[in-house]
Amino acid sequence: MKATDTVLAELRKSATLPATAVAAGIAVLGCAGIALLNAVHVRDAPAAGRADLVGYTAPAEAVFSAAPLGAVGAVVLGVTAVSSEYAINSPGAGGGRQVLATLTAIPRRPELLVAKALVVALLVAATAAVALPVSLAIVHAVAGPVAADGLLARSVGAGIYWMLTALMAMAVTVFARGGVLPLIVLITNSSLVSVSVLLAKVTPLAFWLPDLAGMRLFAGDLVVGADRALDAPTGGLVMAAWTAALLAAAAAVLVRRDA
């Protein structure tokens, strides 16, 4: 099978998974919903003389403070791209796991992992291309014009952050050979309790962890400890390095162990 055929096969497989639609919905609707709530606060708090109720008053920040929720959808996309291979098929489909058929058709495992990574990146990019403009439009309608200064760079940065998050989630799922544990850990870290944020209160080394480093691509001064955080280019490179290392380790594990 040619490399392009491998990518197209993986794209068809991932695009038809119900979890892919769920993940895209989480990213788009979640990001837009939080952006709407933020925009209402940005609009109403200063007018009520309670600007202290929000950490910012610029409409643009209402969008980018909601962007981390899109990473939850990215995590789901990255995890299910791999975990679907290890799910047990129904008896009517012959039982067994999809990974056996996949490896029969594509025996070169590094090539398979690369194809999955390209597909995940493509799906996340497409999701970000919808979620971020929709969120920007909502904030513009509710809170007023969004300043154009740096808007494109931060929007692209948010999309890159989502893609790298999805790829790291994919790599972790290769290690786990299942989706439950990666989903619980990664979604909790992305949406509820960030280990990196907690560690940042103890040591500046936490700013070199992938999520906190990558957030500098779009979050600006919204990042915890922004005065001590990495600059945006360095943060992006650090997150990319973490992603590359995890994918390389995942490839090594995939090659060495039984399906």
C-alpha atoms as a PDB file:
ATOM      1  CA  MET A   1       0.000   0.000   0.000  1.00  0.00           C
ATOM      2  CA  LYS A   2       1.356   3.434  -0.960  1.00  0.00           C
ATOM      3  CA  ALA A   3       1.898   6.079   1.692  1.00  0.00           C
ATOM      4  CA  THR A   4      -0.902   8.223   0.267  1.00  0.00           C
ATOM      5  CA  ASP A   5      -3.246   5.229   0.296  1.00  0.00           C
ATOM      6  CA  THR A   6      -2.359   4.609   3.936  1.00  0.00           C
ATOM      7  CA  VAL A   7      -3.170   8.195   4.873  1.00  0.00           C
ATOM      8  CA  LEU A   8      -6.458   8.126   2.929  1.00  0.00           C
ATOM      9  CA  ALA A   9      -7.450   4.832   4.546  1.00  0.00           C
ATOM     10  CA  GLU A  10      -6.742   6.210   8.008  1.00  0.00           C
ATOM     11  CA  LEU A  11      -8.608   9.400   7.165  1.00  0.00           C
ATOM     12  CA  ARG A  12     -11.704   7.449   6.105  1.00  0.00           C
ATOM     13  CA  LYS A  13     -11.480   5.322   9.222  1.00  0.00           C
ATOM     14  CA  SER A  14     -11.110   8.250  11.643  1.00  0.00           C
ATOM     15  CA  ALA A  15     -13.639  10.490   9.891  1.00  0.00           C
ATOM     16  CA  THR A  16     -16.343   7.838  10.203  1.00  0.00           C
ATOM     17  CA  LEU A  17     -15.829   7.196  13.903  1.00  0.00           C
ATOM     18  CA  PRO A  18     -18.719   8.552  16.021  1.00  0.00           C
ATOM     19  CA  ALA A  19     -16.134   9.800  18.532  1.00  0.00           C
ATOM     20  CA  THR A  20     -14.666  12.085  15.871  1.00  0.00           C
ATOM     21  CA  ALA A  21     -17.958  13.946  15.508  1.00  0.00           C
ATOM     22  CA  VAL A  22     -18.268  14.122  19.300  1.00  0.00           C
ATOM     23  CA  ALA A  23     -14.734  15.485  19.620  1.00  0.00           C
ATOM     24  CA  ALA A  24     -15.344  18.132  16.954  1.00  0.00           C
ATOM     25  CA  GLY A  25     -18.587  19.109  18.671  1.00  0.00           C
ATOM     26  CA  ILE A  26     -16.834  19.452  22.022  1.00  0.00           C
ATOM     27  CA  ALA A  27     -14.156  21.664  20.500  1.00  0.00           C
ATOM     28  CA  VAL A  28     -16.518  23.887  18.507  1.00  0.00           C
ATOM     29  CA  LEU A  29     -19.491  24.145  20.866  1.00  0.00           C
ATOM     30  CA  GLY A  30     -17.414  24.093  24.025  1.00  0.00           C
ATOM     31  CA  CYS A  31     -15.065  26.806  22.866  1.00  0.00           C
ATOM     32  CA  ALA A  32     -17.922  28.911  21.496  1.00  0.00           C
ATOM     33  CA  GLY A  33     -20.006  28.451  24.647  1.00  0.00           C
ATOM     34  CA  ILE A  34     -17.225  29.504  27.003  1.00  0.00           C
ATOM     35  CA  ALA A  35     -16.352  32.402  24.691  1.00  0.00           C
ATOM     36  CA  LEU A  36     -19.980  33.542  24.892  1.00  0.00           C
ATOM     37  CA  LEU A  37     -19.982  33.441  28.696  1.00  0.00           C
ATOM     38  CA  ASN A  38     -16.670  35.302  28.784  1.00  0.00           C
ATOM     39  CA  ALA A  39     -17.960  37.895  26.346  1.00  0.00           C
ATOM     40  CA  VAL A  40     -21.010  38.568  28.502  1.00  0.00           C
ATOM     41  CA  HIS A  41     -18.739  39.169  31.510  1.00  0.00           C
ATOM     42  CA  VAL A  42     -16.447  41.419  29.486  1.00  0.00           C
ATOM     43  CA  ARG A  43     -19.451  43.428  28.326  1.00  0.00           C
ATOM     44  CA  ASP A  44     -21.388  43.642  31.602  1.00  0.00           C
ATOM     45  CA  ALA A  45     -18.790  43.750  34.378  1.00  0.00           C
ATOM     46  CA  PRO A  46     -17.249  47.162  33.518  1.00  0.00           C
ATOM     47  CA  ALA A  47     -20.694  48.662  32.932  1.00  0.00           C
ATOM     48  CA  ALA A  48     -21.720  47.512  36.410  1.00  0.00           C
ATOM     49  CA  GLY A  49     -18.565  48.957  37.902  1.00  0.00           C
ATOM     50  CA  ARG A  50     -17.291  45.462  38.676  1.00  0.00           C
ATOM     51  CA  ALA A  51     -14.383  45.065  36.271  1.00  0.00           C
ATOM     52  CA  ASP A  52     -12.682  43.158  39.070  1.00  0.00           C
ATOM     53  CA  LEU A  53     -14.997  40.238  38.339  1.00  0.00           C
ATOM     54  CA  VAL A  54     -13.007  39.387  35.204  1.00  0.00           C
ATOM     55  CA  GLY A  55      -9.270  39.094  34.753  1.00  0.00           C
ATOM     56  CA  TYR A  56      -9.378  41.032  31.476  1.00  0.00           C
ATOM     57  CA  THR A  57     -11.621  43.478  29.638  1.00  0.00           C
ATOM     58  CA  ALA A  58     -10.422  43.023  26.041  1.00  0.00           C
ATOM     59  CA  PRO A  59     -12.835  41.043  23.830  1.00  0.00           C
ATOM     60  CA  ALA A  60      -9.942  39.103  22.289  1.00  0.00           C
ATOM     61  CA  GLU A  61      -9.099  37.604  25.682  1.00  0.00           C
ATOM     62  CA  ALA A  62     -12.669  36.309  25.948  1.00  0.00           C
ATOM     63  CA  VAL A  63     -11.890  34.101  22.949  1.00  0.00           C
ATOM     64  CA  PHE A  64      -8.421  32.904  23.872  1.00  0.00           C
ATOM     65  CA  SER A  65      -9.275  32.196  27.494  1.00  0.00           C
ATOM     66  CA  ALA A  66     -11.855  29.736  26.097  1.00  0.00           C
ATOM     67  CA  ALA A  67      -9.405  28.122  23.666  1.00  0.00           C
ATOM     68  CA  PRO A  68      -8.033  25.550  26.169  1.00  0.00           C
ATOM     69  CA  LEU A  69     -11.422  23.847  26.177  1.00  0.00           C
ATOM     70  CA  GLY A  70     -10.871  23.070  22.500  1.00  0.00           C
ATOM     71  CA  ALA A  71      -7.926  20.993  23.616  1.00  0.00           C
ATOM     72  CA  VAL A  72     -10.418  18.593  25.214  1.00  0.00           C
ATOM     73  CA  GLY A  73     -11.869  17.830  21.793  1.00  0.00           C
ATOM     74  CA  ALA A  74      -8.326  17.478  20.446  1.00  0.00           C
ATOM     75  CA  VAL A  75      -7.527  14.964  23.191  1.00  0.00           C
ATOM     76  CA  VAL A  76     -10.588  12.892  22.255  1.00  0.00           C
ATOM     77  CA  LEU A  77      -9.541  12.912  18.588  1.00  0.00           C
ATOM     78  CA  GLY A  78      -5.997  11.863  19.389  1.00  0.00           C
ATOM     79  CA  VAL A  79      -7.008   9.132  21.806  1.00  0.00           C
ATOM     80  CA  THR A  80      -9.740   7.546  19.690  1.00  0.00           C
ATOM     81  CA  ALA A  81      -7.544   7.460  16.571  1.00  0.00           C
ATOM     82  CA  VAL A  82      -5.524   4.782  18.383  1.00  0.00           C
ATOM     83  CA  SER A  83      -7.904   3.333  20.982  1.00  0.00           C
ATOM     84  CA  SER A  84     -10.432   2.413  18.274  1.00  0.00           C
ATOM     85  CA  GLU A  85      -7.850  -0.055  16.971  1.00  0.00           C
ATOM     86  CA  TYR A  86      -7.817  -1.916  20.281  1.00  0.00           C
ATOM     87  CA  ALA A  87     -11.564  -1.971  20.904  1.00  0.00           C
ATOM     88  CA  ILE A  88     -13.170  -5.413  20.718  1.00  0.00           C
ATOM     89  CA  ASN A  89     -15.400  -5.764  17.663  1.00  0.00           C
ATOM     90  CA  SER A  90     -18.961  -7.005  18.047  1.00  0.00           C
ATOM     91  CA  PRO A  91     -19.581 -10.748  17.571  1.00  0.00           C
ATOM     92  CA  GLY A  92     -21.445  -9.916  14.360  1.00  0.00           C
ATOM     93  CA  ALA A  93     -18.255  -8.350  13.026  1.00  0.00           C
ATOM     94  CA  GLY A  94     -16.241 -11.414  13.908  1.00  0.00           C
ATOM     95  CA  GLY A  95     -14.943 -10.258  17.295  1.00  0.00           C
ATOM     96  CA  GLY A  96     -11.262  -9.529  17.673  1.00  0.00           C
ATOM     97  CA  ARG A  97      -9.669  -6.120  17.360  1.00  0.00           C
ATOM     98  CA  GLN A  98      -9.294  -3.793  14.392  1.00  0.00           C
ATOM     99  CA  VAL A  99      -5.550  -3.464  14.969  1.00  0.00           C
ATOM    100  CA  LEU A 100      -4.947  -6.991  13.644  1.00  0.00           C
ATOM    101  CA  ALA A 101      -6.566  -6.178  10.297  1.00  0.00           C
ATOM    102  CA  THR A 102      -4.852  -2.794  10.185  1.00  0.00           C
ATOM    103  CA  LEU A 103      -1.390  -4.272  10.703  1.00  0.00           C
ATOM    104  CA  THR A 104      -2.088  -6.953   8.113  1.00  0.00           C
ATOM    105  CA  ALA A 105      -2.880  -4.263   5.552  1.00  0.00           C
ATOM    106  CA  ILE A 106      -0.114  -1.924   6.753  1.00  0.00           C
ATOM    107  CA  PRO A 107       2.677  -4.051   8.263  1.00  0.00           C
ATOM    108  CA  ARG A 108       5.142  -1.148   8.437  1.00  0.00           C
ATOM    109  CA  ARG A 109       4.184   0.170  11.851  1.00  0.00           C
ATOM    110  CA  PRO A 110       6.092   3.475  11.801  1.00  0.00           C
ATOM    111  CA  GLU A 111       4.343   4.301   8.526  1.00  0.00           C
ATOM    112  CA  LEU A 112       1.007   3.558  10.177  1.00  0.00           C
ATOM    113  CA  LEU A 113       1.791   5.835  13.107  1.00  0.00           C
ATOM    114  CA  VAL A 114       2.878   8.646  10.782  1.00  0.00           C
ATOM    115  CA  ALA A 115      -0.352   8.273   8.784  1.00  0.00           C
ATOM    116  CA  LYS A 116      -2.430   8.424  11.953  1.00  0.00           C
ATOM    117  CA  ALA A 117      -0.527  11.491  13.121  1.00  0.00           C
ATOM    118  CA  LEU A 118      -1.147  13.269   9.811  1.00  0.00           C
ATOM    119  CA  VAL A 119      -4.842  12.419   9.933  1.00  0.00           C
ATOM    120  CA  VAL A 120      -5.209  13.572  13.536  1.00  0.00           C
ATOM    121  CA  ALA A 121      -3.403  16.843  12.744  1.00  0.00           C
ATOM    122  CA  LEU A 122      -5.640  17.393   9.708  1.00  0.00           C
ATOM    123  CA  LEU A 123      -8.865  16.738  11.622  1.00  0.00           C
ATOM    124  CA  VAL A 124      -7.819  18.998  14.493  1.00  0.00           C
ATOM    125  CA  ALA A 125      -6.790  21.760  12.079  1.00  0.00           C
ATOM    126  CA  ALA A 126     -10.178  21.542  10.363  1.00  0.00           C
ATOM    127  CA  THR A 127     -11.931  21.693  13.737  1.00  0.00           C
ATOM    128  CA  ALA A 128      -9.890  24.715  14.831  1.00  0.00           C
ATOM    129  CA  ALA A 129     -10.635  26.428  11.513  1.00  0.00           C
ATOM    130  CA  VAL A 130     -14.316  26.303  12.465  1.00  0.00           C
ATOM    131  CA  ALA A 131     -14.206  26.711  16.247  1.00  0.00           C
ATOM    132  CA  LEU A 132     -11.994  29.786  16.487  1.00  0.00           C
ATOM    133  CA  PRO A 133     -13.729  31.958  13.837  1.00  0.00           C
ATOM    134  CA  VAL A 134     -17.123  31.042  15.297  1.00  0.00           C
ATOM    135  CA  SER A 135     -15.929  32.022  18.774  1.00  0.00           C
ATOM    136  CA  LEU A 136     -14.474  35.271  17.453  1.00  0.00           C
ATOM    137  CA  ALA A 137     -17.753  36.102  15.709  1.00  0.00           C
ATOM    138  CA  ILE A 138     -19.732  35.448  18.895  1.00  0.00           C
ATOM    139  CA  VAL A 139     -17.463  37.633  21.000  1.00  0.00           C
ATOM    140  CA  HIS A 140     -17.554  40.385  18.363  1.00  0.00           C
ATOM    141  CA  ALA A 141     -21.375  40.334  18.410  1.00  0.00           C
ATOM    142  CA  VAL A 142     -21.661  40.328  22.211  1.00  0.00           C
ATOM    143  CA  ALA A 143     -18.691  42.321  23.528  1.00  0.00           C
ATOM    144  CA  GLY A 144     -17.744  44.508  20.594  1.00  0.00           C
ATOM    145  CA  PRO A 145     -14.928  44.566  18.025  1.00  0.00           C
ATOM    146  CA  VAL A 146     -12.010  42.229  18.616  1.00  0.00           C
ATOM    147  CA  ALA A 147      -8.674  43.996  18.173  1.00  0.00           C
ATOM    148  CA  ALA A 148      -6.901  42.728  15.064  1.00  0.00           C
ATOM    149  CA  ASP A 149      -3.419  43.217  16.534  1.00  0.00           C
ATOM    150  CA  GLY A 150      -1.857  39.773  16.897  1.00  0.00           C
ATOM    151  CA  LEU A 151      -5.201  38.079  16.271  1.00  0.00           C
ATOM    152  CA  LEU A 152      -4.076  35.890  13.366  1.00  0.00           C
ATOM    153  CA  ALA A 153      -0.876  34.773  15.096  1.00  0.00           C
ATOM    154  CA  ARG A 154      -2.718  33.855  18.283  1.00  0.00           C
ATOM    155  CA  SER A 155      -5.448  32.035  16.353  1.00  0.00           C
ATOM    156  CA  VAL A 156      -2.849  29.984  14.476  1.00  0.00           C
ATOM    157  CA  GLY A 157      -1.052  29.396  17.768  1.00  0.00           C
ATOM    158  CA  ALA A 158      -4.232  28.045  19.347  1.00  0.00           C
ATOM    159  CA  GLY A 159      -4.704  25.682  16.417  1.00  0.00           C
ATOM    160  CA  ILE A 160      -1.104  24.470  16.723  1.00  0.00           C
ATOM    161  CA  TYR A 161      -1.592  23.969  20.461  1.00  0.00           C
ATOM    162  CA  TRP A 162      -4.650  21.815  19.793  1.00  0.00           C
ATOM    163  CA  MET A 163      -2.792  19.757  17.165  1.00  0.00           C
ATOM    164  CA  LEU A 164       0.213  19.118  19.383  1.00  0.00           C
ATOM    165  CA  THR A 165      -2.078  18.214  22.279  1.00  0.00           C
ATOM    166  CA  ALA A 166      -3.906  15.704  20.074  1.00  0.00           C
ATOM    167  CA  LEU A 167      -0.643  14.151  18.884  1.00  0.00           C
ATOM    168  CA  MET A 168       0.635  13.769  22.448  1.00  0.00           C
ATOM    169  CA  ALA A 169      -2.683  12.166  23.402  1.00  0.00           C
ATOM    170  CA  MET A 170      -2.264   9.768  20.477  1.00  0.00           C
ATOM    171  CA  ALA A 171       1.232   8.816  21.611  1.00  0.00           C
ATOM    172  CA  VAL A 172       0.105   8.217  25.201  1.00  0.00           C
ATOM    173  CA  THR A 173      -2.709   5.980  23.936  1.00  0.00           C
ATOM    174  CA  VAL A 174      -0.181   3.855  22.044  1.00  0.00           C
ATOM    175  CA  PHE A 175       1.532   3.212  25.383  1.00  0.00           C
ATOM    176  CA  ALA A 176      -1.763   2.419  27.132  1.00  0.00           C
ATOM    177  CA  ARG A 177      -3.315   0.366  24.271  1.00  0.00           C
ATOM    178  CA  GLY A 178      -6.697   1.677  25.382  1.00  0.00           C
ATOM    179  CA  GLY A 179      -8.545   4.948  25.660  1.00  0.00           C
ATOM    180  CA  VAL A 180     -10.105   5.045  29.119  1.00  0.00           C
ATOM    181  CA  LEU A 181      -7.072   5.989  31.215  1.00  0.00           C
ATOM    182  CA  PRO A 182      -5.629   8.522  28.697  1.00  0.00           C
ATOM    183  CA  LEU A 183      -9.028  10.192  28.348  1.00  0.00           C
ATOM    184  CA  ILE A 184      -9.524  10.509  32.102  1.00  0.00           C
ATOM    185  CA  VAL A 185      -6.030  11.807  32.815  1.00  0.00           C
ATOM    186  CA  LEU A 186      -5.642  14.122  29.823  1.00  0.00           C
ATOM    187  CA  ILE A 187      -9.145  15.625  29.903  1.00  0.00           C
ATOM    188  CA  THR A 188      -8.877  16.248  33.637  1.00  0.00           C
ATOM    189  CA  ASN A 189      -5.512  17.931  33.148  1.00  0.00           C
ATOM    190  CA  SER A 190      -6.824  20.033  30.240  1.00  0.00           C
ATOM    191  CA  SER A 191     -10.091  21.173  31.773  1.00  0.00           C
ATOM    192  CA  LEU A 192     -10.178  20.775  35.562  1.00  0.00           C
ATOM    193  CA  VAL A 193      -6.867  20.497  37.382  1.00  0.00           C
ATOM    194  CA  SER A 194      -3.707  21.226  35.421  1.00  0.00           C
ATOM    195  CA  VAL A 195      -0.712  19.572  37.039  1.00  0.00           C
ATOM    196  CA  SER A 196       1.561  22.041  35.259  1.00  0.00           C
ATOM    197  CA  VAL A 197      -0.278  25.044  36.718  1.00  0.00           C
ATOM    198  CA  LEU A 198      -0.020  23.592  40.210  1.00  0.00           C
ATOM    199  CA  LEU A 199       3.682  22.872  39.769  1.00  0.00           C
ATOM    200  CA  ALA A 200       4.264  26.391  38.427  1.00  0.00           C
ATOM    201  CA  LYS A 201       3.466  27.689  41.908  1.00  0.00           C
ATOM    202  CA  VAL A 202       6.332  25.596  43.258  1.00  0.00           C
ATOM    203  CA  THR A 203       9.040  25.635  40.587  1.00  0.00           C
ATOM    204  CA  PRO A 204       9.736  27.602  37.378  1.00  0.00           C
ATOM    205  CA  LEU A 205      10.690  24.308  35.722  1.00  0.00           C
ATOM    206  CA  ALA A 206       6.950  23.728  35.278  1.00  0.00           C
ATOM    207  CA  PHE A 207       6.953  26.309  32.481  1.00  0.00           C
ATOM    208  CA  TRP A 208       8.945  23.786  30.433  1.00  0.00           C
ATOM    209  CA  LEU A 209       6.160  21.218  30.632  1.00  0.00           C
ATOM    210  CA  PRO A 210       4.324  20.868  27.299  1.00  0.00           C
ATOM    211  CA  ASP A 211       0.892  22.272  28.092  1.00  0.00           C
ATOM    212  CA  LEU A 212       2.067  25.333  29.990  1.00  0.00           C
ATOM    213  CA  ALA A 213       4.800  26.006  27.421  1.00  0.00           C
ATOM    214  CA  GLY A 214       2.442  25.614  24.468  1.00  0.00           C
ATOM    215  CA  MET A 215      -0.228  27.878  25.920  1.00  0.00           C
ATOM    216  CA  ARG A 216       2.108  30.799  25.319  1.00  0.00           C
ATOM    217  CA  LEU A 217       1.292  30.418  21.615  1.00  0.00           C
ATOM    218  CA  PHE A 218      -2.107  32.005  22.186  1.00  0.00           C
ATOM    219  CA  ALA A 219      -2.826  32.800  25.832  1.00  0.00           C
ATOM    220  CA  GLY A 220      -0.460  35.729  26.300  1.00  0.00           C
ATOM    221  CA  ASP A 221      -0.614  37.154  29.805  1.00  0.00           C
ATOM    222  CA  LEU A 222      -3.483  34.815  30.707  1.00  0.00           C
ATOM    223  CA  VAL A 223      -0.924  32.096  31.428  1.00  0.00           C
ATOM    224  CA  VAL A 224      -0.322  31.565  35.137  1.00  0.00           C
ATOM    225  CA  GLY A 225       2.906  33.305  36.120  1.00  0.00           C
ATOM    226  CA  ALA A 226       3.139  35.031  32.726  1.00  0.00           C
ATOM    227  CA  ASP A 227       6.041  37.153  33.952  1.00  0.00           C
ATOM    228  CA  ARG A 228       8.103  33.969  34.462  1.00  0.00           C
ATOM    229  CA  ALA A 229       6.766  31.958  31.525  1.00  0.00           C
ATOM    230  CA  LEU A 230       8.575  31.232  28.267  1.00  0.00           C
ATOM    231  CA  ASP A 231       8.019  33.527  25.315  1.00  0.00           C
ATOM    232  CA  ALA A 232       5.639  32.322  22.599  1.00  0.00           C
ATOM    233  CA  PRO A 233       8.196  30.981  20.055  1.00  0.00           C
ATOM    234  CA  THR A 234      10.189  29.161  22.739  1.00  0.00           C
ATOM    235  CA  GLY A 235       7.035  27.744  24.298  1.00  0.00           C
ATOM    236  CA  GLY A 236       5.869  26.440  20.935  1.00  0.00           C
ATOM    237  CA  LEU A 237       9.222  24.810  20.245  1.00  0.00           C
ATOM    238  CA  VAL A 238       9.267  23.200  23.694  1.00  0.00           C
ATOM    239  CA  MET A 239       5.806  21.725  23.188  1.00  0.00           C
ATOM    240  CA  ALA A 240       6.770  20.522  19.701  1.00  0.00           C
ATOM    241  CA  ALA A 241       9.884  18.853  21.147  1.00  0.00           C
ATOM    242  CA  TRP A 242       7.792  17.062  23.778  1.00  0.00           C
ATOM    243  CA  THR A 243       5.407  15.917  21.057  1.00  0.00           C
ATOM    244  CA  ALA A 244       8.198  14.635  18.811  1.00  0.00           C
ATOM    245  CA  ALA A 245       9.792  12.756  21.709  1.00  0.00           C
ATOM    246  CA  LEU A 246       6.516  11.106  22.707  1.00  0.00           C
ATOM    247  CA  LEU A 247       5.740  10.101  19.122  1.00  0.00           C
ATOM    248  CA  ALA A 248       9.243   8.659  18.686  1.00  0.00           C
ATOM    249  CA  ALA A 249       8.823   6.646  21.880  1.00  0.00           C
ATOM    250  CA  ALA A 250       5.372   5.514  20.742  1.00  0.00           C
ATOM    251  CA  ALA A 251       6.831   4.357  17.413  1.00  0.00           C
ATOM    252  CA  ALA A 252       9.506   2.364  19.222  1.00  0.00           C
ATOM    253  CA  VAL A 253       6.927   0.723  21.479  1.00  0.00           C
ATOM    254  CA  LEU A 254       4.616  -0.042  18.543  1.00  0.00           C
ATOM    255  CA  VAL A 255       7.427  -1.716  16.604  1.00  0.00           C
ATOM    256  CA  ARG A 256       8.746  -3.835  19.476  1.00  0.00           C
ATOM    257  CA  ARG A 257       5.643  -5.268  21.068  1.00  0.00           C
ATOM    258  CA  ASP A 258       2.954  -7.670  19.866  1.00  0.00           C
ATOM    259  CA  ALA A 259      -0.271  -6.240  18.531  1.00  0.00           C
END
